Amino acid sequence: VEVGPLNPRDPGGISGVVLIAESHIGFHTFPARG
């Protein structure tokens, strides 16, 4: 999911998750910050 800017510290990005039988893999990106 693409997430827009929320505050000056969080300029927005993409969050993702996949559930696995063993638990999960997830991330949050902040492209403006690299």
ModelCIF file with pLDDT and N, C-alpha, C, O atoms, coordinates in Angstrom:
data_MODEL
#
_entry.id   MODEL 
#
_entity.id                         1 
_entity.type                       polymer 
_entity.pdbx_number_of_molecules   1 
#
_entity_poly.entity_id                      1 
_entity_poly.type                           'polypeptide(L)' 
_entity_poly.nstd_linkage                   no 
_entity_poly.nstd_monomer                   no 
_entity_poly.pdbx_seq_one_letter_code       VEVGPLNPRDPGGISGVVLIAESHIGFHTFPARG 
_entity_poly.pdbx_seq_one_letter_code_can   VEVGPLNPRDPGGISGVVLIAESHIGFHTFPARG 
_entity_poly.pdbx_strand_id                 A 
#
loop_
_entity_poly_seq.entity_id 
_entity_poly_seq.num 
_entity_poly_seq.mon_id 
_entity_poly_seq.hetero 
1 1  VAL n 
1 2  GLU n 
1 3  VAL n 
1 4  GLY n 
1 5  PRO n 
1 6  LEU n 
1 7  ASN n 
1 8  PRO n 
1 9  ARG n 
1 10 ASP n 
1 11 PRO n 
1 12 GLY n 
1 13 GLY n 
1 14 ILE n 
1 15 SER n 
1 16 GLY n 
1 17 VAL n 
1 18 VAL n 
1 19 LEU n 
1 20 ILE n 
1 21 ALA n 
1 22 GLU n 
1 23 SER n 
1 24 HIS n 
1 25 ILE n 
1 26 GLY n 
1 27 PHE n 
1 28 HIS n 
1 29 THR n 
1 30 PHE n 
1 31 PRO n 
1 32 ALA n 
1 33 ARG n 
1 34 GLY n 
#
_struct_asym.id          A 
_struct_asym.entity_id   1 
#
loop_
_ma_qa_metric.id 
_ma_qa_metric.mode 
_ma_qa_metric.name 
_ma_qa_metric.software_group_id 
_ma_qa_metric.type 
1 global pLDDT . pLDDT 
2 local  pLDDT . pLDDT 
#
_ma_qa_metric_global.metric_id      1 
_ma_qa_metric_global.metric_value   91.97 
_ma_qa_metric_global.model_id       1 
_ma_qa_metric_global.ordinal_id     1 
#
loop_
_ma_qa_metric_local.label_asym_id 
_ma_qa_metric_local.label_comp_id 
_ma_qa_metric_local.label_seq_id 
_ma_qa_metric_local.metric_id 
_ma_qa_metric_local.metric_value 
_ma_qa_metric_local.model_id 
_ma_qa_metric_local.ordinal_id 
A VAL 1  2 97.00 1 1  
A GLU 2  2 94.00 1 2  
A VAL 3  2 90.00 1 3  
A GLY 4  2 87.00 1 4  
A PRO 5  2 81.00 1 5  
A LEU 6  2 81.00 1 6  
A ASN 7  2 78.00 1 7  
A PRO 8  2 78.00 1 8  
A ARG 9  2 78.00 1 9  
A ASP 10 2 79.00 1 10 
A PRO 11 2 84.00 1 11 
A GLY 12 2 88.00 1 12 
A GLY 13 2 94.00 1 13 
A ILE 14 2 97.00 1 14 
A SER 15 2 97.00 1 15 
A GLY 16 2 98.00 1 16 
A VAL 17 2 98.00 1 17 
A VAL 18 2 98.00 1 18 
A LEU 19 2 97.00 1 19 
A ILE 20 2 96.00 1 20 
A ALA 21 2 94.00 1 21 
A GLU 22 2 90.00 1 22 
A SER 23 2 93.00 1 23 
A HIS 24 2 96.00 1 24 
A ILE 25 2 97.00 1 25 
A GLY 26 2 98.00 1 26 
A PHE 27 2 98.00 1 27 
A HIS 28 2 97.00 1 28 
A THR 29 2 97.00 1 29 
A PHE 30 2 96.00 1 30 
A PRO 31 2 96.00 1 31 
A ALA 32 2 94.00 1 32 
A ARG 33 2 94.00 1 33 
A GLY 34 2 97.00 1 34 
#
loop_
_atom_site.group_PDB 
_atom_site.id 
_atom_site.type_symbol 
_atom_site.label_atom_id 
_atom_site.label_alt_id 
_atom_site.label_comp_id 
_atom_site.label_asym_id 
_atom_site.label_entity_id 
_atom_site.label_seq_id 
_atom_site.pdbx_PDB_ins_code 
_atom_site.Cartn_x 
_atom_site.Cartn_y 
_atom_site.Cartn_z 
_atom_site.occupancy 
_atom_site.B_iso_or_equiv 
_atom_site.pdbx_formal_charge 
_atom_site.auth_seq_id 
_atom_site.auth_comp_id 
_atom_site.auth_asym_id 
_atom_site.auth_atom_id 
_atom_site.pdbx_PDB_model_num 
ATOM 1   N N  . VAL A 1 1  ? 0.837  -1.196  0.000  1.00 97.00 ? 1  VAL A N  1 
ATOM 2   C CA . VAL A 1 1  ? 0.000  0.000   0.000  1.00 97.00 ? 1  VAL A CA 1 
ATOM 3   C C  . VAL A 1 1  ? 0.872  1.247   0.000  1.00 97.00 ? 1  VAL A C  1 
ATOM 4   O O  . VAL A 1 1  ? 1.856  1.334   0.734  1.00 97.00 ? 1  VAL A O  1 
ATOM 5   N N  . GLU A 1 2  ? 0.493  2.212   -0.837 1.00 94.00 ? 2  GLU A N  1 
ATOM 6   C CA . GLU A 1 2  ? 1.176  3.496   -0.831 1.00 94.00 ? 2  GLU A CA 1 
ATOM 7   C C  . GLU A 1 2  ? 0.568  4.365   0.269  1.00 94.00 ? 2  GLU A C  1 
ATOM 8   O O  . GLU A 1 2  ? -0.652 4.478   0.392  1.00 94.00 ? 2  GLU A O  1 
ATOM 9   N N  . VAL A 1 3  ? 1.436  4.967   1.053  1.00 90.00 ? 3  VAL A N  1 
ATOM 10  C CA . VAL A 1 3  ? 1.004  5.794   2.178  1.00 90.00 ? 3  VAL A CA 1 
ATOM 11  C C  . VAL A 1 3  ? 1.520  7.207   1.957  1.00 90.00 ? 3  VAL A C  1 
ATOM 12  O O  . VAL A 1 3  ? 2.713  7.413   1.737  1.00 90.00 ? 3  VAL A O  1 
ATOM 13  N N  . GLY A 1 4  ? 0.620  8.173   2.015  1.00 87.00 ? 4  GLY A N  1 
ATOM 14  C CA . GLY A 1 4  ? 1.024  9.567   1.825  1.00 87.00 ? 4  GLY A CA 1 
ATOM 15  C C  . GLY A 1 4  ? 1.740  10.129  3.040  1.00 87.00 ? 4  GLY A C  1 
ATOM 16  O O  . GLY A 1 4  ? 1.843  9.464   4.070  1.00 87.00 ? 4  GLY A O  1 
ATOM 17  N N  . PRO A 1 5  ? 2.236  11.359  2.919  1.00 81.00 ? 5  PRO A N  1 
ATOM 18  C CA . PRO A 1 5  ? 2.960  11.975  4.037  1.00 81.00 ? 5  PRO A CA 1 
ATOM 19  C C  . PRO A 1 5  ? 2.049  12.157  5.254  1.00 81.00 ? 5  PRO A C  1 
ATOM 20  O O  . PRO A 1 5  ? 0.893  12.563  5.133  1.00 81.00 ? 5  PRO A O  1 
ATOM 21  N N  . LEU A 1 6  ? 2.601  11.846  6.420  1.00 81.00 ? 6  LEU A N  1 
ATOM 22  C CA . LEU A 1 6  ? 1.837  11.970  7.661  1.00 81.00 ? 6  LEU A CA 1 
ATOM 23  C C  . LEU A 1 6  ? 2.309  13.137  8.510  1.00 81.00 ? 6  LEU A C  1 
ATOM 24  O O  . LEU A 1 6  ? 1.513  13.769  9.205  1.00 81.00 ? 6  LEU A O  1 
ATOM 25  N N  . ASN A 1 7  ? 3.607  13.423  8.454  1.00 78.00 ? 7  ASN A N  1 
ATOM 26  C CA . ASN A 1 7  ? 4.191  14.521  9.228  1.00 78.00 ? 7  ASN A CA 1 
ATOM 27  C C  . ASN A 1 7  ? 5.586  14.797  8.655  1.00 78.00 ? 7  ASN A C  1 
ATOM 28  O O  . ASN A 1 7  ? 6.043  14.044  7.795  1.00 78.00 ? 7  ASN A O  1 
ATOM 29  N N  . PRO A 1 8  ? 6.272  15.846  9.103  1.00 78.00 ? 8  PRO A N  1 
ATOM 30  C CA . PRO A 1 8  ? 7.585  16.158  8.532  1.00 78.00 ? 8  PRO A CA 1 
ATOM 31  C C  . PRO A 1 8  ? 8.600  15.017  8.663  1.00 78.00 ? 8  PRO A C  1 
ATOM 32  O O  . PRO A 1 8  ? 9.473  14.874  7.807  1.00 78.00 ? 8  PRO A O  1 
ATOM 33  N N  . ARG A 1 9  ? 8.502  14.229  9.690  1.00 78.00 ? 9  ARG A N  1 
ATOM 34  C CA . ARG A 1 9  ? 9.419  13.109  9.892  1.00 78.00 ? 9  ARG A CA 1 
ATOM 35  C C  . ARG A 1 9  ? 9.094  11.918  9.001  1.00 78.00 ? 9  ARG A C  1 
ATOM 36  O O  . ARG A 1 9  ? 9.968  11.107  8.692  1.00 78.00 ? 9  ARG A O  1 
ATOM 37  N N  . ASP A 1 10 ? 7.828  11.817  8.587  1.00 79.00 ? 10 ASP A N  1 
ATOM 38  C CA . ASP A 1 10 ? 7.357  10.698  7.772  1.00 79.00 ? 10 ASP A CA 1 
ATOM 39  C C  . ASP A 1 10 ? 6.820  11.238  6.448  1.00 79.00 ? 10 ASP A C  1 
ATOM 40  O O  . ASP A 1 10 ? 5.636  11.556  6.338  1.00 79.00 ? 10 ASP A O  1 
ATOM 41  N N  . PRO A 1 11 ? 7.706  11.341  5.430  1.00 84.00 ? 11 PRO A N  1 
ATOM 42  C CA . PRO A 1 11 ? 7.294  11.935  4.156  1.00 84.00 ? 11 PRO A CA 1 
ATOM 43  C C  . PRO A 1 11 ? 6.509  10.986  3.245  1.00 84.00 ? 11 PRO A C  1 
ATOM 44  O O  . PRO A 1 11 ? 6.311  11.291  2.069  1.00 84.00 ? 11 PRO A O  1 
ATOM 45  N N  . GLY A 1 12 ? 6.068  9.859   3.760  1.00 88.00 ? 12 GLY A N  1 
ATOM 46  C CA . GLY A 1 12 ? 5.277  8.922   2.975  1.00 88.00 ? 12 GLY A CA 1 
ATOM 47  C C  . GLY A 1 12 ? 6.134  7.899   2.263  1.00 88.00 ? 12 GLY A C  1 
ATOM 48  O O  . GLY A 1 12 ? 7.353  8.044   2.169  1.00 88.00 ? 12 GLY A O  1 
ATOM 49  N N  . GLY A 1 13 ? 5.488  6.870   1.765  1.00 94.00 ? 13 GLY A N  1 
ATOM 50  C CA . GLY A 1 13 ? 6.203  5.805   1.077  1.00 94.00 ? 13 GLY A CA 1 
ATOM 51  C C  . GLY A 1 13 ? 5.281  4.633   0.843  1.00 94.00 ? 13 GLY A C  1 
ATOM 52  O O  . GLY A 1 13 ? 4.083  4.799   0.611  1.00 94.00 ? 13 GLY A O  1 
ATOM 53  N N  . ILE A 1 14 ? 5.855  3.441   0.905  1.00 97.00 ? 14 ILE A N  1 
ATOM 54  C CA . ILE A 1 14 ? 5.092  2.220   0.646  1.00 97.00 ? 14 ILE A CA 1 
ATOM 55  C C  . ILE A 1 14 ? 5.299  1.258   1.812  1.00 97.00 ? 14 ILE A C  1 
ATOM 56  O O  . ILE A 1 14 ? 6.417  1.075   2.294  1.00 97.00 ? 14 ILE A O  1 
ATOM 57  N N  . SER A 1 15 ? 4.201  0.649   2.255  1.00 97.00 ? 15 SER A N  1 
ATOM 58  C CA . SER A 1 15 ? 4.264  -0.385  3.286  1.00 97.00 ? 15 SER A CA 1 
ATOM 59  C C  . SER A 1 15 ? 3.780  -1.690  2.677  1.00 97.00 ? 15 SER A C  1 
ATOM 60  O O  . SER A 1 15 ? 2.841  -1.707  1.881  1.00 97.00 ? 15 SER A O  1 
ATOM 61  N N  . GLY A 1 16 ? 4.429  -2.783  3.057  1.00 98.00 ? 16 GLY A N  1 
ATOM 62  C CA . GLY A 1 16 ? 4.034  -4.072  2.522  1.00 98.00 ? 16 GLY A CA 1 
ATOM 63  C C  . GLY A 1 16 ? 4.244  -5.188  3.515  1.00 98.00 ? 16 GLY A C  1 
ATOM 64  O O  . GLY A 1 16 ? 5.096  -5.100  4.399  1.00 98.00 ? 16 GLY A O  1 
ATOM 65  N N  . VAL A 1 17 ? 3.451  -6.252  3.361  1.00 98.00 ? 17 VAL A N  1 
ATOM 66  C CA . VAL A 1 17 ? 3.573  -7.418  4.225  1.00 98.00 ? 17 VAL A CA 1 
ATOM 67  C C  . VAL A 1 17 ? 3.075  -8.644  3.477  1.00 98.00 ? 17 VAL A C  1 
ATOM 68  O O  . VAL A 1 17 ? 2.152  -8.566  2.667  1.00 98.00 ? 17 VAL A O  1 
ATOM 69  N N  . VAL A 1 18 ? 3.698  -9.765  3.760  1.00 98.00 ? 18 VAL A N  1 
ATOM 70  C CA . VAL A 1 18 ? 3.185  -11.048 3.311  1.00 98.00 ? 18 VAL A CA 1 
ATOM 71  C C  . VAL A 1 18 ? 3.218  -11.984 4.513  1.00 98.00 ? 18 VAL A C  1 
ATOM 72  O O  . VAL A 1 18 ? 4.219  -12.075 5.223  1.00 98.00 ? 18 VAL A O  1 
ATOM 73  N N  . LEU A 1 19 ? 2.112  -12.671 4.723  1.00 97.00 ? 19 LEU A N  1 
ATOM 74  C CA . LEU A 1 19 ? 2.063  -13.656 5.801  1.00 97.00 ? 19 LEU A CA 1 
ATOM 75  C C  . LEU A 1 19 ? 2.651  -14.955 5.279  1.00 97.00 ? 19 LEU A C  1 
ATOM 76  O O  . LEU A 1 19 ? 2.355  -15.384 4.163  1.00 97.00 ? 19 LEU A O  1 
ATOM 77  N N  . ILE A 1 20 ? 3.469  -15.561 6.084  1.00 96.00 ? 20 ILE A N  1 
ATOM 78  C CA . ILE A 1 20 ? 4.053  -16.854 5.738  1.00 96.00 ? 20 ILE A CA 1 
ATOM 79  C C  . ILE A 1 20 ? 3.706  -17.837 6.844  1.00 96.00 ? 20 ILE A C  1 
ATOM 80  O O  . ILE A 1 20 ? 3.472  -17.434 7.984  1.00 96.00 ? 20 ILE A O  1 
ATOM 81  N N  . ALA A 1 21 ? 3.671  -19.102 6.521  1.00 94.00 ? 21 ALA A N  1 
ATOM 82  C CA . ALA A 1 21 ? 3.341  -20.111 7.530  1.00 94.00 ? 21 ALA A CA 1 
ATOM 83  C C  . ALA A 1 21 ? 4.287  -19.987 8.712  1.00 94.00 ? 21 ALA A C  1 
ATOM 84  O O  . ALA A 1 21 ? 3.919  -20.289 9.848  1.00 94.00 ? 21 ALA A O  1 
ATOM 85  N N  . GLU A 1 22 ? 5.498  -19.544 8.441  1.00 90.00 ? 22 GLU A N  1 
ATOM 86  C CA . GLU A 1 22 ? 6.520  -19.405 9.483  1.00 90.00 ? 22 GLU A CA 1 
ATOM 87  C C  . GLU A 1 22 ? 6.391  -18.085 10.238 1.00 90.00 ? 22 GLU A C  1 
ATOM 88  O O  . GLU A 1 22 ? 7.017  -17.950 11.289 1.00 90.00 ? 22 GLU A O  1 
ATOM 89  N N  . SER A 1 23 ? 5.627  -17.114 9.775  1.00 93.00 ? 23 SER A N  1 
ATOM 90  C CA . SER A 1 23 ? 5.274  -15.861 10.421 1.00 93.00 ? 23 SER A CA 1 
ATOM 91  C C  . SER A 1 23 ? 5.017  -14.749 9.412  1.00 93.00 ? 23 SER A C  1 
ATOM 92  O O  . SER A 1 23 ? 3.937  -14.719 8.822  1.00 93.00 ? 23 SER A O  1 
ATOM 93  N N  . HIS A 1 24 ? 5.979  -13.815 9.183  1.00 96.00 ? 24 HIS A N  1 
ATOM 94  C CA . HIS A 1 24 ? 5.714  -12.724 8.237  1.00 96.00 ? 24 HIS A CA 1 
ATOM 95  C C  . HIS A 1 24 ? 6.999  -12.051 7.754  1.00 96.00 ? 24 HIS A C  1 
ATOM 96  O O  . HIS A 1 24 ? 8.063  -12.174 8.361  1.00 96.00 ? 24 HIS A O  1 
ATOM 97  N N  . ILE A 1 25 ? 6.856  -11.340 6.643  1.00 97.00 ? 25 ILE A N  1 
ATOM 98  C CA . ILE A 1 25 ? 7.904  -10.476 6.111  1.00 97.00 ? 25 ILE A CA 1 
ATOM 99  C C  . ILE A 1 25 ? 7.218  -9.142  5.817  1.00 97.00 ? 25 ILE A C  1 
ATOM 100 O O  . ILE A 1 25 ? 6.193  -9.107  5.137  1.00 97.00 ? 25 ILE A O  1 
ATOM 101 N N  . GLY A 1 26 ? 7.775  -8.061  6.323  1.00 98.00 ? 26 GLY A N  1 
ATOM 102 C CA . GLY A 1 26 ? 7.153  -6.759  6.118  1.00 98.00 ? 26 GLY A CA 1 
ATOM 103 C C  . GLY A 1 26 ? 8.180  -5.654  5.951  1.00 98.00 ? 26 GLY A C  1 
ATOM 104 O O  . GLY A 1 26 ? 9.343  -5.807  6.324  1.00 98.00 ? 26 GLY A O  1 
ATOM 105 N N  . PHE A 1 27 ? 7.734  -4.540  5.387  1.00 98.00 ? 27 PHE A N  1 
ATOM 106 C CA . PHE A 1 27 ? 8.629  -3.394  5.211  1.00 98.00 ? 27 PHE A CA 1 
ATOM 107 C C  . PHE A 1 27 ? 7.846  -2.090  5.184  1.00 98.00 ? 27 PHE A C  1 
ATOM 108 O O  . PHE A 1 27 ? 6.631  -2.077  4.985  1.00 98.00 ? 27 PHE A O  1 
ATOM 109 N N  . HIS A 1 28 ? 8.567  -0.997  5.390  1.00 97.00 ? 28 HIS A N  1 
ATOM 110 C CA . HIS A 1 28 ? 8.066  0.367   5.245  1.00 97.00 ? 28 HIS A CA 1 
ATOM 111 C C  . HIS A 1 28 ? 9.160  1.161   4.547  1.00 97.00 ? 28 HIS A C  1 
ATOM 112 O O  . HIS A 1 28 ? 10.282 1.245   5.047  1.00 97.00 ? 28 HIS A O  1 
ATOM 113 N N  . THR A 1 29 ? 8.838  1.751   3.383  1.00 97.00 ? 29 THR A N  1 
ATOM 114 C CA . THR A 1 29 ? 9.840  2.530   2.656  1.00 97.00 ? 29 THR A CA 1 
ATOM 115 C C  . THR A 1 29 ? 9.591  4.023   2.832  1.00 97.00 ? 29 THR A C  1 
ATOM 116 O O  . THR A 1 29 ? 8.459  4.460   3.043  1.00 97.00 ? 29 THR A O  1 
ATOM 117 N N  . PHE A 1 30 ? 10.661 4.790   2.743  1.00 96.00 ? 30 PHE A N  1 
ATOM 118 C CA . PHE A 1 30 ? 10.624 6.243   2.815  1.00 96.00 ? 30 PHE A CA 1 
ATOM 119 C C  . PHE A 1 30 ? 11.499 6.774   1.680  1.00 96.00 ? 30 PHE A C  1 
ATOM 120 O O  . PHE A 1 30 ? 12.642 7.167   1.912  1.00 96.00 ? 30 PHE A O  1 
ATOM 121 N N  . PRO A 1 31 ? 10.962 6.788   0.437  1.00 96.00 ? 31 PRO A N  1 
ATOM 122 C CA . PRO A 1 31 ? 11.776 7.134   -0.722 1.00 96.00 ? 31 PRO A CA 1 
ATOM 123 C C  . PRO A 1 31 ? 12.471 8.494   -0.610 1.00 96.00 ? 31 PRO A C  1 
ATOM 124 O O  . PRO A 1 31 ? 13.627 8.624   -1.011 1.00 96.00 ? 31 PRO A O  1 
ATOM 125 N N  . ALA A 1 32 ? 11.793 9.498   -0.076 1.00 94.00 ? 32 ALA A N  1 
ATOM 126 C CA . ALA A 1 32 ? 12.396 10.833  0.025  1.00 94.00 ? 32 ALA A CA 1 
ATOM 127 C C  . ALA A 1 32 ? 13.624 10.833  0.931  1.00 94.00 ? 32 ALA A C  1 
ATOM 128 O O  . ALA A 1 32 ? 14.480 11.710  0.818  1.00 94.00 ? 32 ALA A O  1 
ATOM 129 N N  . ARG A 1 33 ? 13.710 9.866   1.814  1.00 94.00 ? 33 ARG A N  1 
ATOM 130 C CA . ARG A 1 33 ? 14.850 9.738   2.726  1.00 94.00 ? 33 ARG A CA 1 
ATOM 131 C C  . ARG A 1 33 ? 15.832 8.651   2.290  1.00 94.00 ? 33 ARG A C  1 
ATOM 132 O O  . ARG A 1 33 ? 16.905 8.524   2.880  1.00 94.00 ? 33 ARG A O  1 
ATOM 133 N N  . GLY A 1 34 ? 15.482 7.862   1.264  1.00 97.00 ? 34 GLY A N  1 
ATOM 134 C CA . GLY A 1 34 ? 16.333 6.743   0.864  1.00 97.00 ? 34 GLY A CA 1 
ATOM 135 C C  . GLY A 1 34 ? 16.468 5.722   1.984  1.00 97.00 ? 34 GLY A C  1 
ATOM 136 O O  . GLY A 1 34 ? 17.152 4.712   1.819  1.00 97.00 ? 34 GLY A O  1 
#
